[in-house]
Protein backbone atom coordinates (compact mmCIF):
# COMPACT_ATOMS: atom_id res chain seq x y z
CA MET A 1 0.00 0.00 0.00
CA ALA A 2 2.84 2.39 0.87
CA MET A 3 4.50 1.72 -2.49
CA ALA A 4 1.22 2.33 -4.28
CA ASP A 5 0.73 5.62 -2.42
CA LYS A 6 4.27 6.67 -3.25
CA GLY A 7 3.61 5.88 -6.89
CA LYS A 8 0.49 8.03 -6.89
CA LEU A 9 2.38 10.88 -5.24
CA THR A 10 5.14 10.66 -7.83
CA ILE A 11 2.61 10.72 -10.66
CA TRP A 12 0.89 13.73 -9.11
CA LEU A 13 4.17 15.61 -8.69
CA GLU A 14 4.97 14.96 -12.34
CA THR A 15 1.71 16.54 -13.49
CA PRO A 16 2.69 19.70 -15.44
CA TRP A 17 0.41 22.11 -13.56
CA VAL A 18 1.77 21.02 -10.17
CA SER A 19 5.31 22.23 -10.86
CA ARG A 20 3.94 25.61 -11.99
CA ALA A 21 1.49 26.04 -9.10
CA PHE A 22 3.36 24.46 -6.17
CA PRO A 23 5.93 27.29 -5.64
CA PHE A 24 3.14 29.87 -5.65
CA ALA A 25 1.06 27.75 -3.27
CA ALA A 26 4.03 27.32 -0.92
CA TYR A 27 4.53 31.08 -0.78
CA MET A 28 0.86 31.71 -0.04
CA LEU A 29 0.84 28.97 2.59
CA PHE A 30 3.44 30.81 4.65
CA ILE A 31 1.35 33.98 4.48
CA LEU A 32 -1.51 31.96 5.98
CA ILE A 33 0.81 30.50 8.63
CA GLN A 34 1.94 33.99 9.63
CA ASP A 35 -1.67 35.16 9.92
CA MET A 36 -2.47 32.18 12.13
CA LEU A 37 0.59 32.64 14.37
CA THR A 38 0.25 36.40 14.86
CA PRO A 39 -2.55 36.29 17.48
CA LEU A 40 -1.00 33.29 19.24
CA LEU A 41 2.41 34.80 19.95
CA PRO A 42 3.30 37.49 22.50
CA GLU A 43 3.03 40.96 20.98
CA ALA A 44 6.72 41.68 21.54
CA ILE A 45 7.67 38.66 19.43
CA ALA A 46 4.93 38.83 16.81
CA SER A 47 5.41 42.52 16.02
CA VAL A 48 9.19 42.37 15.76
CA TRP A 49 10.39 38.92 14.75
CA LEU A 50 7.55 37.04 13.08
CA THR A 51 7.64 38.85 9.74
CA PRO A 52 11.41 38.57 9.08
CA VAL A 53 11.60 34.97 10.30
CA ILE A 54 8.59 33.80 8.28
CA TYR A 55 9.78 35.69 5.21
CA ALA A 56 13.24 34.09 5.33
CA ILE A 57 11.74 30.61 5.76
CA LYS A 58 9.19 31.30 3.02
CA ILE A 59 11.81 32.32 0.48
CA ALA A 60 14.01 29.35 1.40
CA ALA A 61 11.05 26.99 1.00
CA VAL A 62 10.11 28.40 -2.41
CA ILE A 63 13.72 28.14 -3.58
CA GLY A 64 13.65 24.49 -2.53
CA VAL A 65 10.44 23.84 -4.46
CA LEU A 66 11.75 25.63 -7.56
CA MET A 67 14.95 23.61 -7.43
CA TYR A 68 12.98 20.37 -7.05
CA PHE A 69 10.94 21.12 -10.19
CA ARG A 70 13.71 22.90 -12.12
CA LYS A 71 13.84 20.28 -14.89
CA ASP A 72 10.15 20.84 -15.67
CA TYR A 73 10.50 24.50 -16.61
CA ASP A 74 11.24 24.16 -20.30
CA GLU A 75 9.74 27.63 -20.83
CA LEU A 76 12.73 29.18 -19.03
CA ARG A 77 15.30 27.83 -21.46
CA MET A 78 16.47 30.17 -24.21
CA ASP A 79 19.12 30.00 -26.93
CA LYS A 80 19.95 33.69 -27.17
CA ILE A 81 19.18 37.06 -25.65
CA ASP A 82 17.59 39.73 -27.82
CA PRO A 83 18.87 43.25 -26.87
CA ALA A 84 15.69 44.87 -28.18
CA LYS A 85 13.55 42.60 -26.02
CA LEU A 86 15.76 43.40 -23.03
CA LEU A 87 14.92 47.06 -23.56
CA TRP A 88 11.21 46.22 -23.72
CA ALA A 89 11.56 44.33 -20.42
CA LEU A 90 13.43 47.22 -18.82
CA GLY A 91 10.79 49.67 -19.98
CA ALA A 92 7.92 47.51 -18.74
CA GLY A 93 9.59 47.05 -15.37
CA VAL A 94 10.08 50.79 -14.90
CA ILE A 95 6.56 51.64 -16.09
CA VAL A 96 4.95 49.19 -13.64
CA PHE A 97 7.08 50.60 -10.80
CA VAL A 98 5.95 54.15 -11.58
CA LEU A 99 2.32 53.06 -11.79
CA TRP A 100 2.59 51.10 -8.55
CA ILE A 101 3.77 53.97 -6.36
CA ASN A 102 1.25 56.37 -7.91
CA MET A 103 -1.89 54.23 -7.81
CA ASP A 104 -2.32 53.72 -4.06
CA TRP A 105 -5.68 55.49 -4.14
CA LYS A 106 -8.15 54.48 -1.45
CA PHE A 107 -10.72 53.08 -3.89
CA ALA A 108 -7.98 51.04 -5.59
CA THR A 109 -7.03 49.10 -2.46
CA MET A 110 -8.43 45.89 -1.05
CA GLY A 111 -8.24 44.90 2.59
CA THR A 112 -5.64 46.19 5.01
CA PRO A 113 -1.93 46.09 4.16
CA ALA A 114 0.35 44.18 6.51
CA ILE A 115 2.72 47.06 7.25
CA TYR A 116 5.98 46.04 8.89
CA ASP A 117 8.71 48.52 9.77
CA PRO A 118 12.05 46.62 9.96
CA HIS A 119 13.54 49.45 12.01
CA LYS A 120 12.06 47.58 14.95
CA LEU A 121 15.08 45.31 14.54
CA SER A 122 18.62 46.12 15.60
CA PRO A 123 20.75 47.72 12.82
CA ASN A 124 22.51 44.46 11.91
CA TRP A 125 19.25 42.52 11.71
CA PHE A 126 17.64 45.39 9.81
CA TYR A 127 20.25 45.18 7.06
CA ALA A 128 20.06 41.39 7.01
CA PHE A 129 16.28 41.43 6.62
CA ALA A 130 16.40 44.24 4.04
CA ALA A 131 18.86 42.20 1.96
CA ILE A 132 16.75 39.02 2.19
CA ARG A 133 13.56 40.94 1.44
CA LEU A 134 15.10 42.69 -1.56
CA PHE A 135 16.53 39.43 -2.88
CA GLY A 136 13.27 37.57 -2.40
CA ALA A 137 11.16 40.30 -3.99
CA SER A 138 13.39 41.01 -6.98
CA VAL A 139 14.66 37.50 -7.77
CA ILE A 140 12.55 34.69 -6.30
CA VAL A 141 9.07 36.25 -6.44
CA PRO A 142 9.34 37.18 -10.15
CA ILE A 143 10.43 33.65 -11.04
CA PHE A 144 7.62 31.74 -9.36
CA GLU A 145 4.92 34.34 -10.05
CA GLU A 146 5.72 34.53 -13.76
CA ILE A 147 5.84 30.74 -14.00
CA PHE A 148 2.44 30.59 -12.29
CA TRP A 149 0.67 33.51 -13.98
CA ARG A 150 2.24 33.93 -17.41
CA SER A 151 3.26 30.31 -18.08
CA PHE A 152 0.45 28.39 -16.38
CA ILE A 153 -2.69 30.46 -15.74
CA LEU A 154 -2.57 32.52 -18.93
CA ARG A 155 -2.17 29.39 -21.07
CA TYR A 156 -4.63 27.33 -18.99
CA ILE A 157 -7.37 29.86 -19.74
CA VAL A 158 -6.74 29.25 -23.45
CA ASN A 159 -6.66 25.46 -23.07
CA PRO A 160 -6.62 23.33 -19.89
CA ASP A 161 -4.03 21.20 -21.66
CA PHE A 162 -1.83 24.26 -21.35
CA LEU A 163 1.43 22.75 -22.57
CA ARG A 164 -0.14 22.63 -26.03
CA VAL A 165 -0.44 26.43 -25.97
CA ASN A 166 2.63 28.34 -27.12
CA ILE A 167 4.16 30.87 -24.74
CA GLY A 168 2.84 34.27 -25.79
CA ALA A 169 -0.25 32.96 -27.58
CA PHE A 170 -2.87 35.72 -27.46
CA THR A 171 -6.57 35.59 -26.70
CA TRP A 172 -8.60 38.43 -25.23
CA ALA A 173 -10.03 36.15 -22.55
CA SER A 174 -6.64 35.00 -21.26
CA PHE A 175 -5.19 38.51 -21.52
CA LEU A 176 -7.95 40.15 -19.48
CA ILE A 177 -8.87 37.37 -17.04
CA SER A 178 -5.28 36.61 -16.00
CA SER A 179 -4.57 40.34 -15.58
CA VAL A 180 -7.59 40.80 -13.31
CA LEU A 181 -6.75 37.71 -11.26
CA PHE A 182 -3.14 38.89 -10.93
CA GLY A 183 -4.42 42.25 -9.68
CA LEU A 184 -6.76 40.70 -7.13
CA GLU A 185 -3.78 38.90 -5.60
CA HIS A 186 -2.48 42.28 -4.39
CA TYR A 187 -3.56 44.88 -1.85
CA LEU A 188 -3.22 47.52 -4.57
CA TRP A 189 -5.59 45.69 -6.87
CA LEU A 190 -5.81 48.32 -9.59
CA ALA A 191 -2.05 48.71 -9.76
CA GLY A 192 -1.86 44.92 -9.81
CA ILE A 193 -4.22 44.73 -12.78
CA MET A 194 -2.17 47.33 -14.64
CA ALA A 195 0.97 45.32 -13.86
CA GLY A 196 -0.71 42.17 -15.17
CA LEU A 197 -1.67 43.94 -18.38
CA CYS A 198 1.89 45.25 -18.86
CA TYR A 199 3.59 41.92 -18.17
CA ASN A 200 1.10 40.09 -20.40
CA ALA A 201 1.69 42.59 -23.21
CA LEU A 202 5.44 42.10 -22.76
CA LEU A 203 4.98 38.34 -23.07
CA TYR A 204 3.05 38.76 -26.32
CA LYS A 205 5.80 41.07 -27.61
CA THR A 206 8.78 38.91 -26.64
CA LYS A 207 7.28 35.39 -26.74
CA HIS A 208 9.46 34.34 -23.80
CA ILE A 209 8.75 34.14 -20.10
CA ASN A 210 12.27 35.21 -19.08
CA TYR A 211 11.70 38.77 -20.25
CA CYS A 212 8.64 38.94 -18.00
CA ILE A 213 10.71 37.63 -15.10
CA LEU A 214 13.29 40.33 -15.78
CA ALA A 215 10.66 43.08 -15.99
CA HIS A 216 8.95 41.85 -12.82
CA GLY A 217 12.32 41.73 -11.06
CA ILE A 218 13.15 45.29 -12.14
CA THR A 219 9.80 46.52 -10.84
CA ASN A 220 10.25 44.83 -7.47
CA PHE A 221 13.88 45.90 -7.13
CA LEU A 222 13.04 49.54 -7.82
CA LEU A 223 10.09 49.29 -5.45
CA GLY A 224 12.30 47.81 -2.74
CA ILE A 225 14.87 50.57 -3.08
CA TYR A 226 12.09 53.15 -3.04
CA VAL A 227 10.60 51.64 0.13
CA LEU A 228 13.94 51.53 1.92
CA PHE A 229 14.77 55.15 1.08
CA THR A 230 11.31 56.61 1.74
CA ALA A 231 10.11 54.26 4.51
CA SER A 232 6.92 53.67 2.50
CA TRP A 233 6.41 50.30 4.17
CA ARG A 234 2.83 49.96 2.86
CA PHE A 235 4.32 49.01 -0.53
CA TRP A 236 6.15 46.04 1.00
């Protein structure tokens, strides 16, 4: 029975959608864990240490999942880099950053942001957390989110047998639905929708997921630097 169960688990893990969705699910799981732990821990611990500790574990866990499934991500392989497409990615990343910090209107928000000021930490821990947060946001998050949204969800809307859909294949339904869903994942839902539209458009232009990862990374890196220099913690 154990061997049979192991076989079923292996088959499930080899299902194409699992490798695209599991990293995203792991990241969201740790957000849920943090929400559950917050009221259970003493205020002095929860308000100071829970966010940086959970974030570090969350990023490490997602890296582990991505490494486990790394051979499945054929869409990340590329033969050459196109300088023109790099410029498109750079432009998209900057545009989304500018939109993001200028679209925090009250009507365009959803829920309450989890604002955490890392200055609660000692200087050494502050810099350590800032480095981990910046790395996670600008490197790891773009990888798993673009794999989930632009490689899996966008193509799945076109055809549930999504591997049969070419990267960058356009339909109005997939373009709009995936952009809206991407936006609703974020506190700044309108800015999120605009970001989804921009990254989707970039995918249609470049026909490769890596340029979307680069653009997403540029957006998040610029946003992280902006947050650190302006203490606009609501954007983190």
